[in-house]
Amino acid sequence: MMRYIAALLAANVTAPFLFVFVAGSSTLLSSGLIRPWELLPFLRVGLIVGFVGLCYFGIPVLLLSGGVAAILAKFECRSRWHFLVVGGLSGFIFLETLFVTQGFSSWRPATFLSRAISSIGSGTIAVILSGAICGWIYWAIAIRPMAQDRAIEPA
């Protein structure tokens, strides 16, 4: 049980920093304002923004990812691809629900999908990528060691 909690906390603490790094670096590099080796000074700003994101979105993301992890455990999903896809999808749903549909009160599937598709940009790609990486982090800490333990057991 402690392995699952540690994995959940590690993935959730990583999420906002990873999102800020991916979104910020892709935006700065694609705009042509800076070159890749000039990203280091922006690291301090990224850490501050990531910390603010962690404080602001930490509990909702923890609840969402905890629920998703419980559903995957219930259906005995052990493949890393399950966690990559579901992590990216839950990150996408979280971002789009908060910023595109202005919260859960106006959530309707058709409206959500039409607004989400029209708003796909670098932020959406960054949140899908960071969600997938966080799903992999959870899998690597919580699920992979258990699969390796079972493979070592004598027959």
Foldseek 3Di string as FASTA:
>chain_A
DVLLVVLLVVLLLVQLLQLLVQLVVVVCVVVVVDDPVPCVVCSVVSVVRSVVCCVVCVVVVSVLVVVVVVVCVVVVPQDLVVLLQVQLVSLLCVVLQCPQQPHDPRDDPVSSVVSSVVPDDSSSVSSSNSRSVSSNSSSVRRRVVVVVVVVPDDD
